Protein backbone atom coordinates (compact mmCIF):
# COMPACT_ATOMS: atom_id res chain seq x y z
CA MET A 1 0.00 0.00 0.00
CA GLN A 2 1.39 3.38 -1.05
CA VAL A 3 1.39 5.77 1.92
CA ARG A 4 2.37 9.41 2.10
CA ALA A 5 2.13 12.11 4.76
CA ILE A 6 1.15 15.76 4.61
CA ILE A 7 2.39 17.82 7.54
CA THR A 8 0.68 21.18 7.99
CA ALA A 9 3.22 23.75 9.19
CA ALA A 10 2.12 27.09 7.73
CA GLY A 11 0.87 28.66 10.96
CA THR A 12 2.69 31.76 12.15
CA GLY A 13 2.10 31.04 15.82
CA LYS A 14 1.23 34.57 16.85
CA ARG A 15 0.68 33.50 20.44
CA MET A 16 4.33 32.41 20.63
CA ASN A 17 5.32 36.10 20.41
CA SER A 18 8.38 35.06 18.44
CA LYS A 19 10.20 36.10 15.29
CA LYS A 20 10.64 32.50 14.17
CA PRO A 21 7.94 30.14 12.87
CA LYS A 22 6.07 28.23 15.53
CA VAL A 23 7.16 24.77 14.35
CA LEU A 24 10.84 25.69 14.73
CA HIS A 25 10.54 26.05 18.48
CA GLU A 26 12.25 23.14 20.18
CA VAL A 27 10.84 20.39 22.37
CA GLY A 28 13.51 18.24 23.94
CA GLY A 29 16.24 19.93 21.93
CA ILE A 30 14.61 19.25 18.54
CA PRO A 31 12.39 21.62 16.50
CA MET A 32 8.76 20.49 16.61
CA ILE A 33 8.56 20.02 12.84
CA SER A 34 11.71 17.86 12.86
CA ARG A 35 10.31 15.75 15.66
CA VAL A 36 7.05 15.17 13.75
CA ILE A 37 8.96 14.30 10.55
CA ASN A 38 11.14 11.83 12.47
CA ASN A 39 8.12 10.15 14.05
CA VAL A 40 6.36 9.87 10.70
CA ARG A 41 9.45 8.41 9.02
CA ASN A 42 10.02 5.97 11.85
CA ALA A 43 6.43 4.80 11.33
CA GLY A 44 7.43 3.67 7.84
CA ILE A 45 6.26 6.66 5.79
CA SER A 46 9.01 7.99 3.57
CA GLU A 47 7.04 10.20 1.16
CA ILE A 48 6.46 13.40 3.12
CA TYR A 49 5.12 16.82 2.12
CA VAL A 50 5.28 19.84 4.43
CA ILE A 51 2.88 22.75 3.90
CA ILE A 52 4.72 25.95 4.79
CA GLY A 53 3.68 29.59 4.96
CA GLU A 54 4.65 32.31 2.53
CA SER A 55 7.58 33.50 4.65
CA SER A 56 8.74 30.16 6.07
CA GLU A 57 12.11 29.88 4.37
CA ALA A 58 13.56 29.02 7.77
CA VAL A 59 11.34 25.93 7.92
CA LYS A 60 12.35 24.90 4.42
CA GLU A 61 16.03 25.16 5.35
CA ILE A 62 15.83 22.50 8.07
CA LEU A 63 13.75 19.96 6.16
CA PRO A 64 15.72 16.75 5.61
CA GLU A 65 16.53 15.43 2.18
CA GLY A 66 13.54 13.84 0.47
CA VAL A 67 10.92 15.95 2.24
CA LYS A 68 9.15 18.32 -0.13
CA ALA A 69 7.97 21.80 0.93
CA ILE A 70 4.75 23.18 -0.58
CA GLU A 71 3.89 26.82 -0.03
CA GLN A 72 0.46 27.97 1.14
CA GLN A 73 0.45 31.62 0.10
CA GLU A 74 -2.86 32.41 1.79
CA GLN A 75 -3.69 30.78 5.09
CA LEU A 76 -7.36 29.98 4.70
CA GLY A 77 -7.59 26.98 6.99
CA THR A 78 -6.39 23.41 7.36
CA ALA A 79 -8.44 22.02 4.46
CA HIS A 80 -7.06 24.75 2.21
CA ALA A 81 -3.55 23.84 3.38
CA VAL A 82 -3.97 20.18 2.40
CA LYS A 83 -5.39 21.21 -1.00
CA GLN A 84 -2.02 22.78 -1.80
CA ALA A 85 -0.74 19.23 -2.30
CA ALA A 86 -2.99 18.89 -5.35
CA GLU A 87 -0.31 16.91 -7.18
CA LEU A 88 -1.36 13.94 -5.04
CA LYS A 89 -5.09 14.00 -5.79
CA ASP A 90 -5.18 11.24 -8.43
CA LEU A 91 -2.87 8.84 -6.62
CA GLU A 92 -3.90 5.52 -5.13
CA GLY A 93 -3.18 4.59 -1.53
CA GLU A 94 -3.37 6.39 1.80
CA THR A 95 -2.49 9.85 3.03
CA LEU A 96 -1.73 10.73 6.63
CA VAL A 97 -2.38 14.35 7.57
CA ILE A 98 -0.69 15.50 10.77
CA CYS A 99 0.05 18.88 12.34
CA GLY A 100 3.61 20.14 12.59
CA ASP A 101 2.96 21.42 16.11
CA THR A 102 2.08 18.02 17.65
CA PRO A 103 5.49 16.78 18.82
CA LEU A 104 4.14 14.37 21.43
CA ILE A 105 2.45 11.93 19.04
CA ARG A 106 4.58 8.80 19.24
CA THR A 107 5.81 6.74 16.32
CA LYS A 108 3.98 3.73 17.76
CA THR A 109 0.73 5.68 17.80
CA ILE A 110 1.10 6.59 14.12
CA GLU A 111 1.74 2.91 13.38
CA ASN A 112 -1.37 1.92 15.34
CA LEU A 113 -3.44 4.53 13.51
CA GLN A 114 -2.37 3.08 10.15
CA GLU A 115 -3.09 -0.46 11.30
CA GLU A 116 -6.57 0.49 12.55
CA HIS A 117 -7.33 2.19 9.24
CA ARG A 118 -6.29 -0.81 7.14
CA ASN A 119 -7.91 -3.46 9.32
CA THR A 120 -11.31 -1.73 9.32
CA GLY A 121 -11.45 -0.55 5.73
CA PHE A 122 -12.55 2.95 6.76
CA LYS A 123 -12.33 5.79 4.23
CA ALA A 124 -10.84 7.90 7.01
CA THR A 125 -9.55 7.18 10.50
CA ILE A 126 -8.86 9.91 13.02
CA LEU A 127 -6.59 9.88 16.05
CA SER A 128 -8.55 10.71 19.18
CA ALA A 129 -8.25 10.68 22.96
CA GLN A 130 -10.40 10.88 26.06
CA THR A 131 -9.82 13.94 28.25
CA ASP A 132 -11.51 15.64 31.19
CA THR A 133 -10.68 19.06 29.68
CA PRO A 134 -12.02 18.83 26.12
CA GLU A 135 -12.97 22.50 25.69
CA ASP A 136 -10.04 23.51 23.49
CA PHE A 137 -10.37 20.56 21.10
CA GLY A 138 -12.67 19.40 18.36
CA ARG A 139 -15.17 16.87 19.81
CA VAL A 140 -15.69 13.49 18.18
CA LEU A 141 -19.35 12.72 17.53
CA ARG A 142 -20.12 9.06 16.99
CA LYS A 143 -23.05 7.25 15.39
CA GLU A 144 -25.00 4.55 17.18
CA ASN A 145 -22.89 1.89 15.45
CA GLY A 146 -19.72 3.41 16.89
CA THR A 147 -18.33 4.91 13.70
CA VAL A 148 -17.50 8.61 13.59
CA LYS A 149 -20.23 11.01 12.51
CA ALA A 150 -18.36 14.34 12.67
CA ILE A 151 -15.80 16.49 14.46
CA LEU A 152 -17.24 19.71 15.87
CA GLU A 153 -15.59 22.73 17.45
CA ASP A 154 -16.70 23.82 20.91
CA ALA A 155 -18.80 26.71 19.55
CA GLU A 156 -20.77 24.33 17.31
CA LEU A 157 -21.84 21.94 20.08
CA SER A 158 -25.29 21.62 21.59
CA GLU A 159 -25.64 21.56 25.36
CA GLU A 160 -25.98 17.78 25.27
CA GLU A 161 -22.89 17.40 23.11
CA ARG A 162 -20.75 19.45 25.47
CA GLY A 163 -20.48 16.43 27.72
CA ILE A 164 -18.48 14.55 25.07
CA LYS A 165 -14.93 13.92 26.25
CA GLU A 166 -13.51 12.26 23.16
CA VAL A 167 -11.48 14.80 21.19
CA SER A 168 -9.61 14.89 17.91
CA ALA A 169 -5.82 15.05 17.86
CA GLY A 170 -5.66 16.65 14.42
CA ALA A 171 -3.98 13.59 12.91
CA MET A 172 -6.01 11.61 10.36
CA ILE A 173 -5.38 9.01 7.70
CA PHE A 174 -7.49 8.89 4.54
CA ASN A 175 -8.09 7.00 1.38
CA ASN A 176 -6.22 9.46 -0.79
CA LYS A 177 -8.78 9.92 -3.55
CA ALA A 178 -11.63 10.21 -1.04
CA LEU A 179 -9.68 12.93 0.74
CA PHE A 180 -9.03 15.12 -2.30
CA ASN A 181 -12.47 14.59 -3.82
CA THR A 182 -14.11 15.66 -0.55
CA LEU A 183 -11.82 18.67 -0.08
CA GLU A 184 -13.52 20.24 -3.09
CA LYS A 185 -16.81 20.22 -1.19
CA VAL A 186 -15.57 21.89 2.01
CA ASP A 187 -16.89 25.44 2.50
CA ASN A 188 -15.92 28.25 4.87
CA ASP A 189 -19.33 28.88 6.39
CA ASN A 190 -18.11 29.28 9.97
CA GLU A 191 -17.07 31.96 12.47
CA LYS A 192 -13.49 32.23 11.13
CA ASN A 193 -14.42 31.89 7.45
CA GLU A 194 -11.84 29.15 7.13
CA TYR A 195 -11.84 25.79 5.34
CA TYR A 196 -11.55 23.13 8.05
CA LEU A 197 -10.05 19.72 7.37
CA THR A 198 -12.30 18.30 10.08
CA ASP A 199 -15.29 19.05 7.80
CA VAL A 200 -14.03 16.30 5.48
CA ILE A 201 -14.90 13.79 8.21
CA GLY A 202 -18.51 14.98 8.45
CA LEU A 203 -18.92 15.09 4.68
CA LEU A 204 -17.61 11.56 4.21
CA SER A 205 -19.84 10.24 6.97
CA SER A 206 -22.93 12.02 5.63
CA LYS A 207 -22.41 10.34 2.25
CA GLY A 208 -22.44 6.92 3.86
CA GLN A 209 -18.66 6.45 3.93
CA ARG A 210 -17.40 4.71 7.07
CA VAL A 211 -15.13 6.81 9.28
CA GLY A 212 -13.42 5.49 12.41
CA ALA A 213 -11.12 6.54 15.21
CA TYR A 214 -8.08 5.11 16.92
CA VAL A 215 -8.16 6.19 20.57
CA THR A 216 -4.75 6.73 22.14
CA ARG A 217 -4.51 6.04 25.85
CA ASP A 218 -2.20 9.01 26.40
CA ALA A 219 -4.21 12.22 26.07
CA ASN A 220 -1.01 14.27 26.15
CA GLU A 221 -0.21 13.04 22.64
CA ILE A 222 -2.95 15.17 21.11
CA ILE A 223 -1.62 18.50 22.36
CA GLY A 224 -0.95 21.11 19.70
CA VAL A 225 1.65 23.61 20.87
CA ASP A 226 0.34 27.12 20.23
CA ASP A 227 2.05 29.20 22.93
CA ARG A 228 5.02 29.24 25.28
CA LYS A 229 3.04 27.70 28.13
CA LEU A 230 2.13 24.68 26.01
CA LEU A 231 5.70 24.54 24.73
CA ALA A 232 6.95 24.24 28.30
CA PHE A 233 4.29 21.63 29.07
CA ALA A 234 5.19 19.54 26.02
CA SER A 235 8.87 19.74 26.96
CA ARG A 236 8.04 18.51 30.46
CA ILE A 237 6.00 15.58 29.15
CA LEU A 238 8.79 14.54 26.80
CA ARG A 239 11.33 14.90 29.60
CA GLU A 240 9.23 12.61 31.79
CA ARG A 241 9.10 10.00 29.03
CA VAL A 242 12.88 10.09 28.60
CA ASN A 243 13.60 9.93 32.32
CA ASP A 244 11.06 7.15 32.89
CA ALA A 245 12.74 5.05 30.19
CA LEU A 246 16.16 5.59 31.79
CA LEU A 247 14.84 4.71 35.23
CA GLU A 248 13.49 1.44 33.83
CA LYS A 249 16.94 0.66 32.40
CA GLY A 250 18.64 0.98 35.80
CA VAL A 251 19.74 4.61 35.86
CA THR A 252 19.22 6.50 39.12
CA ILE A 253 17.79 9.98 38.60
CA ILE A 254 17.53 11.69 41.97
CA ASP A 255 14.93 14.27 40.92
CA PRO A 256 13.40 13.50 37.49
CA LEU A 257 11.33 16.68 37.44
CA ASN A 258 14.50 18.78 37.54
CA THR A 259 16.78 16.73 35.30
CA TYR A 260 16.96 17.56 31.60
CA ILE A 261 18.08 14.73 29.31
CA ASP A 262 17.63 14.55 25.52
CA GLU A 263 16.13 11.31 24.19
CA SER A 264 19.24 10.82 22.04
CA VAL A 265 21.39 10.37 25.18
CA LYS A 266 22.49 6.86 26.24
CA ILE A 267 23.26 6.11 29.90
CA GLY A 268 24.43 2.84 31.47
CA MET A 269 22.99 1.10 34.51
CA ASP A 270 23.86 2.14 38.06
CA THR A 271 24.84 5.61 36.93
CA ILE A 272 23.49 8.36 39.18
CA ILE A 273 22.26 11.70 37.85
CA TYR A 274 21.74 14.51 40.36
CA PRO A 275 19.26 17.41 39.93
CA ASN A 276 19.58 20.47 37.70
CA THR A 277 21.77 18.58 35.24
CA VAL A 278 21.42 19.06 31.47
CA ILE A 279 22.60 16.25 29.17
CA LYS A 280 22.18 16.92 25.46
CA GLY A 281 22.83 15.67 21.96
CA GLN A 282 24.77 12.52 21.07
CA THR A 283 26.07 11.89 24.57
CA ALA A 284 26.86 8.39 25.85
CA ILE A 285 27.58 7.75 29.54
CA GLY A 286 28.82 4.42 30.88
CA GLU A 287 27.94 2.44 33.97
CA ASN A 288 28.42 3.30 37.63
CA THR A 289 29.19 6.94 36.86
CA ILE A 290 28.15 9.90 39.00
CA ILE A 291 26.99 13.15 37.41
CA SER A 292 26.54 15.61 40.24
CA ALA A 293 24.15 18.56 40.39
CA ASN A 294 24.38 21.50 37.99
CA CYS A 295 26.39 19.78 35.26
CA GLU A 296 25.93 20.55 31.57
CA ILE A 297 27.06 17.83 29.17
CA SER A 298 26.62 17.77 25.40
CA ASN A 299 27.81 15.50 22.59
CA SER A 300 30.36 13.73 24.77
CA ILE A 301 31.53 10.16 25.45
CA ILE A 302 31.92 9.35 29.14
CA GLY A 303 33.19 6.00 30.43
CA ASP A 304 32.45 3.81 33.45
CA ASP A 305 33.16 4.78 37.07
CA VAL A 306 33.57 8.46 36.20
CA GLU A 307 32.62 11.31 38.53
CA ILE A 308 31.80 14.78 37.21
CA LYS A 309 31.09 17.55 39.72
CA HIS A 310 29.35 20.84 38.81
CA SER A 311 31.11 21.10 35.44
CA VAL A 312 30.55 21.82 31.75
CA VAL A 313 31.55 19.14 29.22
CA THR A 314 31.18 19.79 25.48
CA ASP A 315 32.29 17.52 22.60
CA ALA A 316 34.73 15.73 24.87
CA GLU A 317 35.81 12.18 25.75
CA ILE A 318 36.36 10.97 29.32
CA GLY A 319 37.93 7.59 30.11
CA ASN A 320 37.03 5.09 32.82
CA GLY A 321 37.70 6.05 36.41
CA THR A 322 38.38 9.71 35.67
CA THR A 323 37.19 12.56 37.89
CA VAL A 324 36.28 16.04 36.67
CA GLY A 325 35.58 19.14 38.75
CA PRO A 326 34.17 20.78 40.64
CA TYR A 327 33.75 23.79 38.34
CA ALA A 328 35.83 22.49 35.44
CA GLN A 329 35.23 23.03 31.75
CA LEU A 330 36.05 20.49 29.06
CA ARG A 331 35.80 22.19 25.70
CA PRO A 332 35.63 20.56 22.24
CA GLY A 333 38.49 18.19 21.54
CA ALA A 334 39.30 17.38 25.16
CA LYS A 335 40.23 13.68 25.41
CA LEU A 336 40.90 12.31 28.87
CA GLY A 337 42.32 8.83 29.40
CA GLU A 338 41.60 6.52 32.33
CA THR A 339 42.00 7.62 35.96
CA VAL A 340 42.76 11.20 34.94
CA LYS A 341 42.08 13.92 37.48
CA ILE A 342 40.75 17.31 36.39
CA GLY A 343 40.23 19.48 39.46
CA ASN A 344 38.43 22.69 40.33
CA PHE A 345 38.55 25.63 37.90
CA VAL A 346 40.50 23.74 35.23
CA GLU A 347 39.82 24.33 31.53
CA VAL A 348 40.85 21.81 28.88
CA LYS A 349 40.54 22.49 25.15
CA LYS A 350 41.58 20.32 22.19
CA SER A 351 44.03 18.37 24.32
CA VAL A 352 44.86 14.75 25.08
CA LEU A 353 45.53 13.79 28.69
CA LYS A 354 46.84 10.24 28.92
CA ASP A 355 46.08 7.71 31.66
CA GLY A 356 46.77 8.88 35.19
CA ALA A 357 47.54 12.51 34.33
CA LYS A 358 46.55 15.13 36.91
CA VAL A 359 45.58 18.77 36.54
CA SER A 360 44.27 19.44 40.00
CA HIS A 361 43.32 23.11 40.04
CA LEU A 362 43.31 26.55 38.44
CA SER A 363 44.96 25.65 35.13
CA TYR A 364 44.40 26.02 31.40
CA ILE A 365 45.41 23.20 29.07
CA GLY A 366 44.88 24.01 25.39
CA ASP A 367 46.28 22.38 22.23
CA ALA A 368 48.37 20.03 24.31
CA GLU A 369 49.35 16.42 24.86
CA ILE A 370 49.93 15.47 28.48
CA GLY A 371 51.72 12.18 29.18
CA GLU A 372 50.81 9.34 31.49
CA ARG A 373 50.93 10.18 35.20
CA ALA A 374 52.14 13.70 34.47
CA ASN A 375 51.27 16.17 37.22
CA ILE A 376 50.36 19.74 36.29
CA GLY A 377 50.71 22.09 39.24
CA CYS A 378 48.30 24.78 40.38
CA GLY A 379 48.02 27.77 38.06
CA ALA A 380 50.07 26.24 35.23
CA ILE A 381 48.97 27.15 31.71
CA THR A 382 49.81 26.30 28.15
CA VAL A 383 50.43 29.54 26.26
CA ASN A 384 49.10 28.24 22.96
CA TYR A 385 48.20 31.42 21.05
CA ASP A 386 50.50 34.17 19.78
CA GLY A 387 47.69 36.38 18.53
CA VAL A 388 47.69 34.84 15.06
CA ASN A 389 48.35 31.09 15.30
CA LYS A 390 47.97 28.32 17.86
CA PHE A 391 50.76 25.91 18.74
CA LYS A 392 51.07 22.60 20.55
CA THR A 393 52.53 21.84 23.98
CA THR A 394 53.80 18.32 24.77
CA VAL A 395 54.44 17.12 28.31
CA GLY A 396 56.03 13.67 28.70
CA ASP A 397 55.17 10.76 30.96
CA ASP A 398 55.74 11.23 34.71
CA ALA A 399 56.69 14.88 34.20
CA PHE A 400 55.99 17.43 36.93
CA ILE A 401 55.00 20.97 35.97
CA GLY A 402 55.49 23.32 38.90
CA CYS A 403 52.88 25.79 40.09
CA ASN A 404 52.39 28.89 37.92
CA THR A 405 54.50 27.56 35.08
CA ASN A 406 53.87 29.13 31.66
CA LEU A 407 54.54 26.64 28.87
CA VAL A 408 54.99 28.85 25.80
CA ALA A 409 54.14 26.72 22.76
CA PRO A 410 55.47 25.21 20.68
CA VAL A 411 57.39 23.50 23.44
CA THR A 412 58.11 19.99 24.76
CA VAL A 413 58.86 18.89 28.31
CA GLY A 414 60.44 15.43 28.27
CA ASP A 415 59.58 12.34 30.30
CA ARG A 416 60.23 12.60 34.05
CA SER A 417 61.31 16.24 33.78
CA ILE A 418 60.41 19.02 36.20
CA THR A 419 59.76 22.71 35.78
CA ALA A 420 60.35 24.93 38.77
CA ALA A 421 57.41 26.88 40.15
CA GLY A 422 56.95 30.27 38.54
CA SER A 423 58.95 29.42 35.41
CA THR A 424 58.18 30.59 31.90
CA ILE A 425 59.37 27.73 29.67
CA THR A 426 60.15 28.78 26.11
CA ASP A 427 62.68 26.09 25.14
CA ASP A 428 62.30 22.32 25.02
CA VAL A 429 63.25 20.47 28.22
CA PRO A 430 64.99 17.11 27.68
CA GLU A 431 64.11 13.99 29.62
CA ASP A 432 65.07 13.64 33.30
CA SER A 433 65.83 17.37 33.62
CA LEU A 434 64.95 20.33 35.84
CA ALA A 435 64.11 23.59 34.06
CA ILE A 436 64.21 26.88 35.96
CA ALA A 437 63.24 30.03 34.08
CA ARG A 438 62.78 32.90 36.50
CA ASN A 439 64.76 35.86 37.83
CA LYS A 440 66.92 35.37 40.88
CA GLN A 441 65.20 36.71 44.01
CA THR A 442 66.44 40.05 45.31
CA THR A 443 65.73 40.98 48.94
CA LYS A 444 66.25 44.54 50.24
CA ASP A 445 66.47 44.61 54.02
CA GLY A 446 64.77 47.51 55.78
CA TYR A 447 62.98 48.70 52.65
CA TYR A 448 59.76 49.38 54.57
CA LYS A 449 61.37 52.06 56.73
CA LYS A 450 62.62 53.91 53.64
């Protein structure tokens, strides 16, 4: 069966009070439209059309390869939006119509909606849910035989119908030809003078065509995000889903309501995540690791038995048994071996620290390679930038860099060598050596009295 999807994404989202299109606002670190496209694709639908507004170039720019954008120059309602895909009207098969601002509809739910549609032979099948607060949604009216009669907005309901709690999610799957033939009969005789896609359901039913509904158990799936409050709510629901899945896999999350983890993140069992932590992107964390409160980690690989305290880690790699922080920053390109120690107020950028290396406090390590078991003293820095170019510093195995040493790159300190505290090292230091590069101390007795 040929299946395609039309995603309506032309709304400006005035209630967002934003300069960017509504569907580009992120839920769980991903724009809503991208999330909907991913869910549709994962449900096995590869032919996707997105209806965009006249000035939605920004939406078009983020559409993945193979997804076609169709412009709706005038926004005259949801039925009018779907009609813009007129090139599909004579095709066989099925068409899913789904809103670009419904990021909580799961892939599994889309699959179930398709299965319900095919198993029943309906001309159209809507996604619906039961809710105790149906006022903001279109209500699903059913016939005595249980099929769907119509979808009505709140203003169109009789007093008796106001008690209906089944509502439409805005996602529907149709026999393609039935959809486009019926779109021609939709009028705009309503309060907003718009052409509603939901009217297709009533028209099909009135002509004796069977229309059904797949009822999702999770009413949160049907939410359309129209303002910042709903955006925050949708983000919270998604966060709960992600955290619940991690809890089931053996991860300890001390306070799930205040822990922010993208669904793309992978975390091993017996790892503990403390509150107010943000973990984003393509991050993978091993087993038995501790991520303390107030950490921010993105696109990083973290091993087993690691401890990170109140630190920022971005595009970095951390080996097994390593400790980081408190208040450290690992910038892109930082690669820490096993049992490395990065202490408080240490910054590491585009550097390799081999197994057992220590940078315990108040240091900057940039564009460097630090050998095994090397010890970098307090306040030591790699002077990697001359104002135009950046250069590499190499520190050998078992070397000791004294406190407040400036390593002016390009420079190499050999294995087992030592730099005296307060030195500015500009020349290479051979193995097994002591380098002292500072002025001899001068003491003037009685200077205070003068």
